[in-house]
Each structure stands twice: as C-alpha cells, then as structure tokens.
PDB file of all heavy atoms in Angstrom:
ATOM      1  N   ALA A   1     -24.164  16.741  55.769  1.00  0.00           N
ATOM      2  CA  ALA A   1     -24.971  16.157  56.846  1.00  0.00           C
ATOM      3  C   ALA A   1     -26.153  17.048  57.197  1.00  0.00           C
ATOM      4  O   ALA A   1     -26.123  18.271  57.023  1.00  0.00           O
ATOM      5  CB  ALA A   1     -24.096  15.931  58.076  1.00  0.00           C
ATOM      6  N   ILE A   2     -27.193  16.434  57.709  1.00  0.00           N
ATOM      7  CA  ILE A   2     -28.415  17.142  58.080  1.00  0.00           C
ATOM      8  C   ILE A   2     -28.106  18.261  59.078  1.00  0.00           C
ATOM      9  O   ILE A   2     -27.350  18.088  60.018  1.00  0.00           O
ATOM     10  CB  ILE A   2     -29.446  16.164  58.670  1.00  0.00           C
ATOM     11  CG1 ILE A   2     -29.920  15.200  57.576  1.00  0.00           C
ATOM     12  CG2 ILE A   2     -30.623  16.897  59.285  1.00  0.00           C
ATOM     13  CD1 ILE A   2     -30.840  14.113  58.066  1.00  0.00           C
ATOM     14  N   ALA A   3     -28.710  19.416  58.864  1.00  0.00           N
ATOM     15  CA  ALA A   3     -28.497  20.578  59.720  1.00  0.00           C
ATOM     16  C   ALA A   3     -29.827  21.283  59.950  1.00  0.00           C
ATOM     17  O   ALA A   3     -30.866  20.852  59.457  1.00  0.00           O
ATOM     18  CB  ALA A   3     -27.487  21.519  59.076  1.00  0.00           C
ATOM     19  N   VAL A   4     -29.788  22.364  60.702  1.00  0.00           N
ATOM     20  CA  VAL A   4     -30.997  23.133  61.017  1.00  0.00           C
ATOM     21  C   VAL A   4     -31.097  24.316  60.061  1.00  0.00           C
ATOM     22  O   VAL A   4     -30.110  24.986  59.771  1.00  0.00           O
ATOM     23  CB  VAL A   4     -30.957  23.632  62.470  1.00  0.00           C
ATOM     24  CG1 VAL A   4     -32.184  24.487  62.772  1.00  0.00           C
ATOM     25  CG2 VAL A   4     -30.878  22.457  63.434  1.00  0.00           C
ATOM     26  N   ALA A   5     -32.314  24.585  59.556  1.00  0.00           N
ATOM     27  CA  ALA A   5     -32.529  25.707  58.636  1.00  0.00           C
ATOM     28  C   ALA A   5     -33.871  26.346  58.923  1.00  0.00           C
ATOM     29  O   ALA A   5     -34.674  25.840  59.704  1.00  0.00           O
ATOM     30  CB  ALA A   5     -32.449  25.216  57.192  1.00  0.00           C
ATOM     31  N   LEU A   6     -34.119  27.477  58.264  1.00  0.00           N
ATOM     32  CA  LEU A   6     -35.342  28.247  58.482  1.00  0.00           C
ATOM     33  C   LEU A   6     -36.239  28.196  57.252  1.00  0.00           C
ATOM     34  O   LEU A   6     -35.754  28.202  56.120  1.00  0.00           O
ATOM     35  CB  LEU A   6     -34.994  29.706  58.804  1.00  0.00           C
ATOM     36  CG  LEU A   6     -34.123  29.952  60.034  1.00  0.00           C
ATOM     37  CD1 LEU A   6     -33.767  31.436  60.136  1.00  0.00           C
ATOM     38  CD2 LEU A   6     -34.828  29.480  61.299  1.00  0.00           C
ATOM     39  N   LEU A   7     -37.538  28.176  57.483  1.00  0.00           N
ATOM     40  CA  LEU A   7     -38.529  28.172  56.412  1.00  0.00           C
ATOM     41  C   LEU A   7     -39.396  29.406  56.546  1.00  0.00           C
ATOM     42  O   LEU A   7     -39.974  29.662  57.601  1.00  0.00           O
ATOM     43  CB  LEU A   7     -39.387  26.908  56.498  1.00  0.00           C
ATOM     44  CG  LEU A   7     -40.548  26.781  55.518  1.00  0.00           C
ATOM     45  CD1 LEU A   7     -40.034  26.707  54.090  1.00  0.00           C
ATOM     46  CD2 LEU A   7     -41.391  25.557  55.844  1.00  0.00           C
ATOM     47  N   THR A   8     -39.481  30.209  55.460  1.00  0.00           N
ATOM     48  CA  THR A   8     -40.318  31.408  55.457  1.00  0.00           C
ATOM     49  C   THR A   8     -41.151  31.436  54.187  1.00  0.00           C
ATOM     50  O   THR A   8     -40.931  30.676  53.253  1.00  0.00           O
ATOM     51  CB  THR A   8     -39.473  32.693  55.536  1.00  0.00           C
ATOM     52  OG1 THR A   8     -38.565  32.723  54.422  1.00  0.00           O
ATOM     53  CG2 THR A   8     -38.668  32.740  56.819  1.00  0.00           C
ATOM     54  N   ALA A   9     -42.126  32.317  54.152  1.00  0.00           N
ATOM     55  CA  ALA A   9     -42.963  32.506  52.971  1.00  0.00           C
ATOM     56  C   ALA A   9     -42.796  33.931  52.482  1.00  0.00           C
ATOM     57  O   ALA A   9     -42.553  34.848  53.267  1.00  0.00           O
ATOM     58  CB  ALA A   9     -44.427  32.221  53.294  1.00  0.00           C
ATOM     59  N   ALA A  10     -42.932  34.125  51.164  1.00  0.00           N
ATOM     60  CA  ALA A  10     -42.763  35.453  50.579  1.00  0.00           C
ATOM     61  C   ALA A  10     -44.003  35.840  49.786  1.00  0.00           C
ATOM     62  O   ALA A  10     -44.625  34.991  49.150  1.00  0.00           O
ATOM     63  CB  ALA A  10     -41.536  35.473  49.664  1.00  0.00           C
ATOM     64  N   ALA A  11     -44.351  37.123  49.823  1.00  0.00           N
ATOM     65  CA  ALA A  11     -45.472  37.645  49.035  1.00  0.00           C
ATOM     66  C   ALA A  11     -44.979  37.940  47.623  1.00  0.00           C
ATOM     67  O   ALA A  11     -44.935  39.083  47.177  1.00  0.00           O
ATOM     68  CB  ALA A  11     -46.044  38.886  49.694  1.00  0.00           C
ATOM     69  N   ALA A  12     -44.590  36.889  46.915  1.00  0.00           N
ATOM     70  CA  ALA A  12     -43.930  37.068  45.623  1.00  0.00           C
ATOM     71  C   ALA A  12     -44.879  37.568  44.545  1.00  0.00           C
ATOM     72  O   ALA A  12     -44.465  38.306  43.651  1.00  0.00           O
ATOM     73  CB  ALA A  12     -43.300  35.753  45.176  1.00  0.00           C
ATOM     74  N   LEU A  13     -46.156  37.177  44.582  1.00  0.00           N
ATOM     75  CA  LEU A  13     -47.091  37.602  43.546  1.00  0.00           C
ATOM     76  C   LEU A  13     -47.227  39.112  43.526  1.00  0.00           C
ATOM     77  O   LEU A  13     -47.153  39.746  42.474  1.00  0.00           O
ATOM     78  CB  LEU A  13     -48.457  36.950  43.755  1.00  0.00           C
ATOM     79  CG  LEU A  13     -49.578  37.429  42.817  1.00  0.00           C
ATOM     80  CD1 LEU A  13     -49.196  37.187  41.360  1.00  0.00           C
ATOM     81  CD2 LEU A  13     -50.886  36.742  43.164  1.00  0.00           C
ATOM     82  N   ALA A  14     -47.407  39.713  44.693  1.00  0.00           N
ATOM     83  CA  ALA A  14     -47.568  41.168  44.762  1.00  0.00           C
ATOM     84  C   ALA A  14     -46.308  41.867  44.282  1.00  0.00           C
ATOM     85  O   ALA A  14     -46.370  42.843  43.534  1.00  0.00           O
ATOM     86  CB  ALA A  14     -47.906  41.590  46.188  1.00  0.00           C
ATOM     87  N   HIS A  15     -45.154  41.374  44.702  1.00  0.00           N
ATOM     88  CA  HIS A  15     -43.896  41.994  44.293  1.00  0.00           C
ATOM     89  C   HIS A  15     -43.696  41.897  42.787  1.00  0.00           C
ATOM     90  O   HIS A  15     -43.317  42.853  42.120  1.00  0.00           O
ATOM     91  CB  HIS A  15     -42.730  41.330  45.020  1.00  0.00           C
ATOM     92  CG  HIS A  15     -41.396  41.908  44.678  1.00  0.00           C
ATOM     93  ND1 HIS A  15     -40.936  43.092  45.215  1.00  0.00           N
ATOM     94  CD2 HIS A  15     -40.426  41.489  43.822  1.00  0.00           C
ATOM     95  CE1 HIS A  15     -39.743  43.369  44.714  1.00  0.00           C
ATOM     96  NE2 HIS A  15     -39.408  42.413  43.870  1.00  0.00           N
ATOM     97  N   TYR A  16     -43.968  40.714  42.244  1.00  0.00           N
ATOM     98  CA  TYR A  16     -43.808  40.480  40.807  1.00  0.00           C
ATOM     99  C   TYR A  16     -44.742  41.379  40.002  1.00  0.00           C
ATOM    100  O   TYR A  16     -44.343  42.000  39.008  1.00  0.00           O
ATOM    101  CB  TYR A  16     -44.083  39.015  40.524  1.00  0.00           C
ATOM    102  CG  TYR A  16     -44.006  38.587  39.078  1.00  0.00           C
ATOM    103  CD1 TYR A  16     -42.833  38.700  38.357  1.00  0.00           C
ATOM    104  CD2 TYR A  16     -45.116  38.031  38.444  1.00  0.00           C
ATOM    105  CE1 TYR A  16     -42.749  38.270  37.040  1.00  0.00           C
ATOM    106  CE2 TYR A  16     -45.049  37.602  37.132  1.00  0.00           C
ATOM    107  CZ  TYR A  16     -43.866  37.722  36.433  1.00  0.00           C
ATOM    108  OH  TYR A  16     -43.801  37.301  35.137  1.00  0.00           O
ATOM    109  N   ALA A  17     -45.987  41.474  40.440  1.00  0.00           N
ATOM    110  CA  ALA A  17     -46.962  42.296  39.724  1.00  0.00           C
ATOM    111  C   ALA A  17     -46.617  43.771  39.805  1.00  0.00           C
ATOM    112  O   ALA A  17     -46.757  44.514  38.824  1.00  0.00           O
ATOM    113  CB  ALA A  17     -48.358  42.045  40.291  1.00  0.00           C
ATOM    114  N   LEU A  18     -46.164  44.218  40.960  1.00  0.00           N
ATOM    115  CA  LEU A  18     -45.820  45.628  41.101  1.00  0.00           C
ATOM    116  C   LEU A  18     -44.603  45.998  40.264  1.00  0.00           C
ATOM    117  O   LEU A  18     -44.510  47.115  39.748  1.00  0.00           O
ATOM    118  CB  LEU A  18     -45.574  45.948  42.579  1.00  0.00           C
ATOM    119  CG  LEU A  18     -46.843  45.992  43.435  1.00  0.00           C
ATOM    120  CD1 LEU A  18     -46.484  46.115  44.908  1.00  0.00           C
ATOM    121  CD2 LEU A  18     -47.768  47.132  43.012  1.00  0.00           C
ATOM    122  N   ARG A  19     -43.670  45.076  40.092  1.00  0.00           N
ATOM    123  CA  ARG A  19     -42.537  45.336  39.203  1.00  0.00           C
ATOM    124  C   ARG A  19     -43.032  45.533  37.774  1.00  0.00           C
ATOM    125  O   ARG A  19     -42.543  46.398  37.049  1.00  0.00           O
ATOM    126  CB  ARG A  19     -41.536  44.180  39.257  1.00  0.00           C
ATOM    127  CG  ARG A  19     -40.719  44.120  40.531  1.00  0.00           C
ATOM    128  CD  ARG A  19     -39.642  43.071  40.444  1.00  0.00           C
ATOM    129  NE  ARG A  19     -38.624  43.434  39.475  1.00  0.00           N
ATOM    130  CZ  ARG A  19     -37.676  42.607  39.069  1.00  0.00           C
ATOM    131  NH1 ARG A  19     -37.638  41.364  39.522  1.00  0.00           N
ATOM    132  NH2 ARG A  19     -36.767  42.999  38.191  1.00  0.00           N
ATOM    133  N   ARG A  20     -44.010  44.734  37.367  1.00  0.00           N
ATOM    134  CA  ARG A  20     -44.593  44.902  36.034  1.00  0.00           C
ATOM    135  C   ARG A  20     -45.333  46.224  35.939  1.00  0.00           C
ATOM    136  O   ARG A  20     -45.298  46.903  34.917  1.00  0.00           O
ATOM    137  CB  ARG A  20     -45.547  43.745  35.726  1.00  0.00           C
ATOM    138  CG  ARG A  20     -44.846  42.426  35.415  1.00  0.00           C
ATOM    139  CD  ARG A  20     -45.884  41.349  35.125  1.00  0.00           C
ATOM    140  NE  ARG A  20     -45.279  40.131  34.656  1.00  0.00           N
ATOM    141  CZ  ARG A  20     -44.973  39.857  33.397  1.00  0.00           C
ATOM    142  NH1 ARG A  20     -45.202  40.768  32.468  1.00  0.00           N
ATOM    143  NH2 ARG A  20     -44.427  38.720  33.053  1.00  0.00           N
ATOM    144  N   ARG A  21     -46.018  46.579  37.011  1.00  0.00           N
ATOM    145  CA  ARG A  21     -46.794  47.821  37.014  1.00  0.00           C
ATOM    146  C   ARG A  21     -45.883  49.043  36.874  1.00  0.00           C
ATOM    147  O   ARG A  21     -46.210  50.021  36.199  1.00  0.00           O
ATOM    148  CB  ARG A  21     -47.591  47.898  38.319  1.00  0.00           C
ATOM    149  CG  ARG A  21     -48.452  49.157  38.463  1.00  0.00           C
ATOM    150  CD  ARG A  21     -49.150  49.135  39.804  1.00  0.00           C
ATOM    151  NE  ARG A  21     -49.908  50.344  40.038  1.00  0.00           N
ATOM    152  CZ  ARG A  21     -50.508  50.631  41.182  1.00  0.00           C
ATOM    153  NH1 ARG A  21     -50.447  49.788  42.182  1.00  0.00           N
ATOM    154  NH2 ARG A  21     -51.183  51.741  41.320  1.00  0.00           N
ATOM    155  N   ARG A  22     -44.709  49.003  37.510  1.00  0.00           N
ATOM    156  CA  ARG A  22     -43.802  50.146  37.506  1.00  0.00           C
ATOM    157  C   ARG A  22     -42.933  50.199  36.264  1.00  0.00           C
ATOM    158  O   ARG A  22     -42.359  51.249  35.961  1.00  0.00           O
ATOM    159  CB  ARG A  22     -42.912  50.093  38.750  1.00  0.00           C
ATOM    160  CG  ARG A  22     -43.685  50.324  40.040  1.00  0.00           C
ATOM    161  CD  ARG A  22     -42.859  49.943  41.243  1.00  0.00           C
ATOM    162  NE  ARG A  22     -43.608  50.134  42.478  1.00  0.00           N
ATOM    163  CZ  ARG A  22     -43.323  49.530  43.618  1.00  0.00           C
ATOM    164  NH1 ARG A  22     -42.298  48.694  43.675  1.00  0.00           N
ATOM    165  NH2 ARG A  22     -44.046  49.752  44.697  1.00  0.00           N
ATOM    166  N   ALA A  23     -42.819  49.092  35.547  1.00  0.00           N
ATOM    167  CA  ALA A  23     -41.922  49.050  34.394  1.00  0.00           C
ATOM    168  C   ALA A  23     -42.234  50.106  33.334  1.00  0.00           C
ATOM    169  O   ALA A  23     -41.318  50.742  32.821  1.00  0.00           O
ATOM    170  CB  ALA A  23     -41.940  47.652  33.766  1.00  0.00           C
ATOM    171  N   PRO A  24     -43.514  50.358  32.983  1.00  0.00           N
ATOM    172  CA  PRO A  24     -43.778  51.381  31.959  1.00  0.00           C
ATOM    173  C   PRO A  24     -43.255  52.755  32.324  1.00  0.00           C
ATOM    174  O   PRO A  24     -42.738  53.478  31.484  1.00  0.00           O
ATOM    175  CB  PRO A  24     -45.307  51.380  31.851  1.00  0.00           C
ATOM    176  CG  PRO A  24     -45.704  50.008  32.267  1.00  0.00           C
ATOM    177  CD  PRO A  24     -44.739  49.655  33.376  1.00  0.00           C
ATOM    178  N   ALA A  25     -43.363  53.114  33.602  1.00  0.00           N
ATOM    179  CA  ALA A  25     -42.909  54.437  34.019  1.00  0.00           C
ATOM    180  C   ALA A  25     -41.408  54.589  33.854  1.00  0.00           C
ATOM    181  O   ALA A  25     -40.887  55.691  33.707  1.00  0.00           O
ATOM    182  CB  ALA A  25     -43.303  54.675  35.484  1.00  0.00           C
ATOM    183  N   ALA A  26     -40.701  53.453  33.868  1.00  0.00           N
ATOM    184  CA  ALA A  26     -39.249  53.487  33.709  1.00  0.00           C
ATOM    185  C   ALA A  26     -38.836  53.356  32.245  1.00  0.00           C
ATOM    186  O   ALA A  26     -37.656  53.278  31.939  1.00  0.00           O
ATOM    187  CB  ALA A  26     -38.620  52.361  34.529  1.00  0.00           C
ATOM    188  N   GLY A  27     -39.801  53.320  31.341  1.00  0.00           N
ATOM    189  CA  GLY A  27     -39.485  53.234  29.931  1.00  0.00           C
ATOM    190  C   GLY A  27     -39.204  51.827  29.455  1.00  0.00           C
ATOM    191  O   GLY A  27     -38.349  51.609  28.607  1.00  0.00           O
ATOM    192  N   PHE A  28     -39.900  50.846  30.017  1.00  0.00           N
ATOM    193  CA  PHE A  28     -39.729  49.462  29.618  1.00  0.00           C
ATOM    194  C   PHE A  28     -41.069  48.887  29.172  1.00  0.00           C
ATOM    195  O   PHE A  28     -42.130  49.388  29.521  1.00  0.00           O
ATOM    196  CB  PHE A  28     -39.199  48.624  30.789  1.00  0.00           C
ATOM    197  CG  PHE A  28     -37.806  48.952  31.200  1.00  0.00           C
ATOM    198  CD1 PHE A  28     -37.557  49.920  32.166  1.00  0.00           C
ATOM    199  CD2 PHE A  28     -36.728  48.308  30.615  1.00  0.00           C
ATOM    200  CE1 PHE A  28     -36.261  50.226  32.545  1.00  0.00           C
ATOM    201  CE2 PHE A  28     -35.427  48.601  30.994  1.00  0.00           C
ATOM    202  CZ  PHE A  28     -35.204  49.560  31.960  1.00  0.00           C
ATOM    203  N   ARG A  29     -41.006  47.837  28.382  1.00  0.00           N
ATOM    204  CA  ARG A  29     -42.202  47.080  28.057  1.00  0.00           C
ATOM    205  C   ARG A  29     -41.867  45.597  28.119  1.00  0.00           C
ATOM    206  O   ARG A  29     -40.709  45.194  28.072  1.00  0.00           O
ATOM    207  CB  ARG A  29     -42.739  47.439  26.667  1.00  0.00           C
ATOM    208  CG  ARG A  29     -41.808  47.089  25.519  1.00  0.00           C
ATOM    209  CD  ARG A  29     -42.385  47.601  24.204  1.00  0.00           C
ATOM    210  NE  ARG A  29     -41.473  47.399  23.096  1.00  0.00           N
ATOM    211  CZ  ARG A  29     -41.424  46.303  22.357  1.00  0.00           C
ATOM    212  NH1 ARG A  29     -42.236  45.298  22.613  1.00  0.00           N
ATOM    213  NH2 ARG A  29     -40.574  46.198  21.355  1.00  0.00           N
ATOM    214  N   HIS A  30     -42.903  44.778  28.250  1.00  0.00           N
ATOM    215  CA  HIS A  30     -42.721  43.344  28.335  1.00  0.00           C
ATOM    216  C   HIS A  30     -43.062  42.678  27.008  1.00  0.00           C
ATOM    217  O   HIS A  30     -44.039  43.026  26.364  1.00  0.00           O
ATOM    218  CB  HIS A  30     -43.634  42.757  29.430  1.00  0.00           C
ATOM    219  CG  HIS A  30     -43.182  43.114  30.804  1.00  0.00           C
ATOM    220  ND1 HIS A  30     -42.306  42.341  31.516  1.00  0.00           N
ATOM    221  CD2 HIS A  30     -43.491  44.172  31.603  1.00  0.00           C
ATOM    222  CE1 HIS A  30     -42.103  42.890  32.694  1.00  0.00           C
ATOM    223  NE2 HIS A  30     -42.806  43.993  32.767  1.00  0.00           N
ATOM    224  N   ARG A  31     -42.240  41.753  26.595  1.00  0.00           N
ATOM    225  CA  ARG A  31     -42.563  40.900  25.453  1.00  0.00           C
ATOM    226  C   ARG A  31     -42.407  39.475  25.948  1.00  0.00           C
ATOM    227  O   ARG A  31     -41.307  39.006  26.177  1.00  0.00           O
ATOM    228  CB  ARG A  31     -41.630  41.171  24.282  1.00  0.00           C
ATOM    229  CG  ARG A  31     -41.887  40.236  23.100  1.00  0.00           C
ATOM    230  CD  ARG A  31     -40.967  40.570  21.924  1.00  0.00           C
ATOM    231  NE  ARG A  31     -41.241  41.901  21.410  1.00  0.00           N
ATOM    232  CZ  ARG A  31     -40.405  42.543  20.596  1.00  0.00           C
ATOM    233  NH1 ARG A  31     -39.258  41.984  20.239  1.00  0.00           N
ATOM    234  NH2 ARG A  31     -40.715  43.741  20.144  1.00  0.00           N
ATOM    235  N   GLY A  32     -43.553  38.804  26.152  1.00  0.00           N
ATOM    236  CA  GLY A  32     -43.502  37.477  26.759  1.00  0.00           C
ATOM    237  C   GLY A  32     -42.970  37.603  28.176  1.00  0.00           C
ATOM    238  O   GLY A  32     -43.514  38.334  28.981  1.00  0.00           O
ATOM    239  N   ASN A  33     -41.864  36.912  28.456  1.00  0.00           N
ATOM    240  CA  ASN A  33     -41.276  36.947  29.784  1.00  0.00           C
ATOM    241  C   ASN A  33     -40.114  37.925  29.886  1.00  0.00           C
ATOM    242  O   ASN A  33     -39.409  37.958  30.877  1.00  0.00           O
ATOM    243  CB  ASN A  33     -40.771  35.549  30.159  1.00  0.00           C
ATOM    244  CG  ASN A  33     -41.912  34.585  30.321  1.00  0.00           C
ATOM    245  OD1 ASN A  33     -43.013  34.991  30.653  1.00  0.00           O
ATOM    246  ND2 ASN A  33     -41.654  33.312  30.083  1.00  0.00           N
ATOM    247  N   CYS A  34     -39.889  38.748  28.838  1.00  0.00           N
ATOM    248  CA  CYS A  34     -38.734  39.634  28.820  1.00  0.00           C
ATOM    249  C   CYS A  34     -39.160  41.078  29.027  1.00  0.00           C
ATOM    250  O   CYS A  34     -40.226  41.495  28.591  1.00  0.00           O
ATOM    251  CB  CYS A  34     -37.982  39.514  27.487  1.00  0.00           C
ATOM    252  SG  CYS A  34     -37.376  37.856  27.151  1.00  0.00           S
ATOM    253  N   MET A  35     -38.287  41.849  29.672  1.00  0.00           N
ATOM    254  CA  MET A  35     -38.519  43.269  29.856  1.00  0.00           C
ATOM    255  C   MET A  35     -37.564  44.015  28.920  1.00  0.00           C
ATOM    256  O   MET A  35     -36.355  43.864  28.996  1.00  0.00           O
ATOM    257  CB  MET A  35     -38.261  43.669  31.309  1.00  0.00           C
ATOM    258  CG  MET A  35     -38.660  45.089  31.648  1.00  0.00           C
ATOM    259  SD  MET A  35     -38.301  45.482  33.377  1.00  0.00           S
ATOM    260  CE  MET A  35     -39.444  44.413  34.213  1.00  0.00           C
ATOM    261  N   LEU A  36     -38.111  44.832  28.018  1.00  0.00           N
ATOM    262  CA  LEU A  36     -37.304  45.483  27.000  1.00  0.00           C
ATOM    263  C   LEU A  36     -37.461  46.994  27.089  1.00  0.00           C
ATOM    264  O   LEU A  36     -38.543  47.499  27.398  1.00  0.00           O
ATOM    265  CB  LEU A  36     -37.743  45.015  25.607  1.00  0.00           C
ATOM    266  CG  LEU A  36     -37.742  43.507  25.369  1.00  0.00           C
ATOM    267  CD1 LEU A  36     -38.367  43.228  24.011  1.00  0.00           C
ATOM    268  CD2 LEU A  36     -36.335  42.952  25.441  1.00  0.00           C
ATOM    269  N   ALA A  37     -36.387  47.719  26.803  1.00  0.00           N
ATOM    270  CA  ALA A  37     -36.462  49.176  26.781  1.00  0.00           C
ATOM    271  C   ALA A  37     -37.328  49.612  25.611  1.00  0.00           C
ATOM    272  O   ALA A  37     -37.211  49.096  24.509  1.00  0.00           O
ATOM    273  CB  ALA A  37     -35.060  49.765  26.654  1.00  0.00           C
ATOM    274  N   ALA A  38     -38.226  50.565  25.865  1.00  0.00           N
ATOM    275  CA  ALA A  38     -39.117  51.021  24.807  1.00  0.00           C
ATOM    276  C   ALA A  38     -39.774  52.333  25.225  1.00  0.00           C
ATOM    277  O   ALA A  38     -39.798  52.699  26.387  1.00  0.00           O
ATOM    278  CB  ALA A  38     -40.188  49.975  24.516  1.00  0.00           C
ATOM    279  N   GLN A  39     -40.336  53.021  24.255  1.00  0.00           N
ATOM    280  CA  GLN A  39     -41.056  54.247  24.537  1.00  0.00           C
ATOM    281  C   GLN A  39     -42.518  53.953  24.865  1.00  0.00           C
ATOM    282  O   GLN A  39     -43.118  54.646  25.660  1.00  0.00           O
ATOM    283  CB  GLN A  39     -40.967  55.185  23.334  1.00  0.00           C
ATOM    284  CG  GLN A  39     -39.547  55.662  23.039  1.00  0.00           C
ATOM    285  CD  GLN A  39     -38.955  56.410  24.202  1.00  0.00           C
ATOM    286  OE1 GLN A  39     -39.606  57.265  24.805  1.00  0.00           O
ATOM    287  NE2 GLN A  39     -37.699  56.084  24.545  1.00  0.00           N
ATOM    288  N   GLU A  40     -43.083  52.949  24.213  1.00  0.00           N
ATOM    289  CA  GLU A  40     -44.486  52.653  24.467  1.00  0.00           C
ATOM    290  C   GLU A  40     -44.637  52.017  25.836  1.00  0.00           C
ATOM    291  O   GLU A  40     -43.745  51.331  26.331  1.00  0.00           O
ATOM    292  CB  GLU A  40     -45.025  51.699  23.393  1.00  0.00           C
ATOM    293  CG  GLU A  40     -44.299  50.368  23.324  1.00  0.00           C
ATOM    294  CD  GLU A  40     -44.751  49.516  22.172  1.00  0.00           C
ATOM    295  OE1 GLU A  40     -45.898  49.075  22.213  1.00  0.00           O
ATOM    296  OE2 GLU A  40     -43.947  49.331  21.252  1.00  0.00           O
ATOM    297  N   HIS A  41     -45.769  52.250  26.474  1.00  0.00           N
ATOM    298  CA  HIS A  41     -46.027  51.768  27.817  1.00  0.00           C
ATOM    299  C   HIS A  41     -47.101  50.686  27.753  1.00  0.00           C
ATOM    300  O   HIS A  41     -48.286  50.965  27.673  1.00  0.00           O
ATOM    301  CB  HIS A  41     -46.490  52.917  28.713  1.00  0.00           C
ATOM    302  CG  HIS A  41     -45.429  53.954  28.907  1.00  0.00           C
ATOM    303  ND1 HIS A  41     -45.672  55.173  29.460  1.00  0.00           N
ATOM    304  CD2 HIS A  41     -44.109  53.935  28.614  1.00  0.00           C
ATOM    305  CE1 HIS A  41     -44.561  55.875  29.507  1.00  0.00           C
ATOM    306  NE2 HIS A  41     -43.592  55.134  28.999  1.00  0.00           N
ATOM    307  N   SER A  42     -46.661  49.427  27.791  1.00  0.00           N
ATOM    308  CA  SER A  42     -47.623  48.334  27.744  1.00  0.00           C
ATOM    309  C   SER A  42     -47.066  47.141  28.483  1.00  0.00           C
ATOM    310  O   SER A  42     -45.856  47.020  28.675  1.00  0.00           O
ATOM    311  CB  SER A  42     -47.927  47.932  26.297  1.00  0.00           C
ATOM    312  OG  SER A  42     -46.741  47.468  25.665  1.00  0.00           O
ATOM    313  N   ILE A  43     -47.960  46.266  28.919  1.00  0.00           N
ATOM    314  CA  ILE A  43     -47.567  45.043  29.604  1.00  0.00           C
ATOM    315  C   ILE A  43     -48.185  43.867  28.876  1.00  0.00           C
ATOM    316  O   ILE A  43     -49.393  43.844  28.644  1.00  0.00           O
ATOM    317  CB  ILE A  43     -48.032  45.034  31.075  1.00  0.00           C
ATOM    318  CG1 ILE A  43     -47.358  46.170  31.844  1.00  0.00           C
ATOM    319  CG2 ILE A  43     -47.740  43.686  31.723  1.00  0.00           C
ATOM    320  CD1 ILE A  43     -47.803  46.278  33.276  1.00  0.00           C
ATOM    321  N   THR A  44     -47.372  42.903  28.500  1.00  0.00           N
ATOM    322  CA  THR A  44     -47.863  41.687  27.865  1.00  0.00           C
ATOM    323  C   THR A  44     -47.483  40.508  28.742  1.00  0.00           C
ATOM    324  O   THR A  44     -46.315  40.342  29.072  1.00  0.00           O
ATOM    325  CB  THR A  44     -47.247  41.491  26.467  1.00  0.00           C
ATOM    326  OG1 THR A  44     -47.552  42.643  25.683  1.00  0.00           O
ATOM    327  CG2 THR A  44     -47.788  40.239  25.809  1.00  0.00           C
ATOM    328  N   VAL A  45     -48.456  39.705  29.151  1.00  0.00           N
ATOM    329  CA  VAL A  45     -48.217  38.582  30.046  1.00  0.00           C
ATOM    330  C   VAL A  45     -48.329  37.285  29.268  1.00  0.00           C
ATOM    331  O   VAL A  45     -49.290  37.083  28.524  1.00  0.00           O
ATOM    332  CB  VAL A  45     -49.227  38.587  31.214  1.00  0.00           C
ATOM    333  CG1 VAL A  45     -48.971  37.405  32.134  1.00  0.00           C
ATOM    334  CG2 VAL A  45     -49.129  39.891  31.985  1.00  0.00           C
TER     335      VAL A  45
END
C-alpha cells in the first residue's frame, strides 16, 4: 500500500569521477566499464 518516503539528490558524477581519478594510485586501471589490477596508470572511458 502507498506510504510516505523521502526524495534526495546525489552528486554522483563527482563521486564517480573521483573514484576513477584515485584508481591509478591504488594500482588499478580501467578497461571499458571494468576496474582491473595493473601496474600501469591509465583511465579508459
């Protein structure tokens, strides 16, 4: 049955981009939509 709920907005773009930005420092790289362990530091979108 219908109930009361809350609606909020999230700054998801900034969070998503910053996760990509920090990934190289942690020894990861992106291939397409996947994050893979690697020595090289690169981001592929």
